Amino acid sequence: MITYPGAVHAFTNPEATALGKKCKLPLRYDAKVNKAAEAEATKLFAEIFKK
């Protein structure tokens, strides 16, 4: 498991910040964390699904 300190729910959704403000919810997009999480997922999938 990988954690990303400071990242909140919906950090991969570019629309999350606006929605969070509109609905007064702790939602926020985080491009840097999204990129890091995507890289880790890609690495994991490459390892799991080796040809």
Protein backbone atom coordinates (compact mmCIF):
# COMPACT_ATOMS: atom_id res chain seq x y z
CA MET A 1 0.00 0.00 0.00
CA ILE A 2 1.25 3.44 -0.87
CA THR A 3 -0.03 6.53 0.90
CA TYR A 4 0.24 10.09 -0.31
CA PRO A 5 0.33 12.51 2.64
CA GLY A 6 -1.87 15.52 2.08
CA ALA A 7 -3.86 13.93 -0.75
CA VAL A 8 -7.59 13.91 -0.16
CA HIS A 9 -10.46 11.93 -1.65
CA ALA A 10 -10.84 12.22 -5.44
CA PHE A 11 -7.26 13.38 -6.02
CA THR A 12 -7.31 11.78 -9.49
CA ASN A 13 -10.40 13.67 -10.69
CA PRO A 14 -9.66 17.04 -12.32
CA GLU A 15 -13.21 18.18 -11.52
CA ALA A 16 -12.94 17.34 -7.82
CA THR A 17 -11.79 20.73 -6.54
CA ALA A 18 -14.74 22.60 -8.04
CA LEU A 19 -17.19 19.94 -6.91
CA GLY A 20 -15.74 19.96 -3.42
CA LYS A 21 -16.17 23.72 -3.17
CA LYS A 22 -19.69 23.58 -4.59
CA CYS A 23 -20.83 20.82 -2.23
CA LYS A 24 -18.63 21.86 0.72
CA LEU A 25 -16.86 18.50 0.72
CA PRO A 26 -13.17 17.69 1.29
CA LEU A 27 -12.46 16.88 -2.36
CA ARG A 28 -9.44 18.15 -4.25
CA TYR A 29 -7.61 17.24 -7.44
CA ASP A 30 -3.84 16.92 -7.05
CA ALA A 31 -2.01 16.62 -10.37
CA LYS A 32 1.36 15.82 -8.77
CA VAL A 33 -0.04 13.01 -6.61
CA ASN A 34 -2.16 11.73 -9.48
CA LYS A 35 0.94 11.46 -11.67
CA ALA A 36 2.85 9.63 -8.92
CA ALA A 37 -0.03 7.21 -8.28
CA GLU A 38 -0.44 6.55 -11.98
CA ALA A 39 3.27 5.74 -12.30
CA GLU A 40 3.07 3.31 -9.37
CA ALA A 41 -0.02 1.62 -10.84
CA THR A 42 1.69 1.27 -14.22
CA LYS A 43 4.73 -0.27 -12.55
CA LEU A 44 2.56 -2.71 -10.60
CA PHE A 45 0.56 -3.77 -13.65
CA ALA A 46 3.72 -4.29 -15.68
CA GLU A 47 5.03 -6.60 -12.97
CA ILE A 48 1.77 -8.52 -12.56
CA PHE A 49 1.01 -8.91 -16.26
CA LYS A 50 4.48 -9.76 -17.57
CA LYS A 51 4.47 -11.45 -20.93
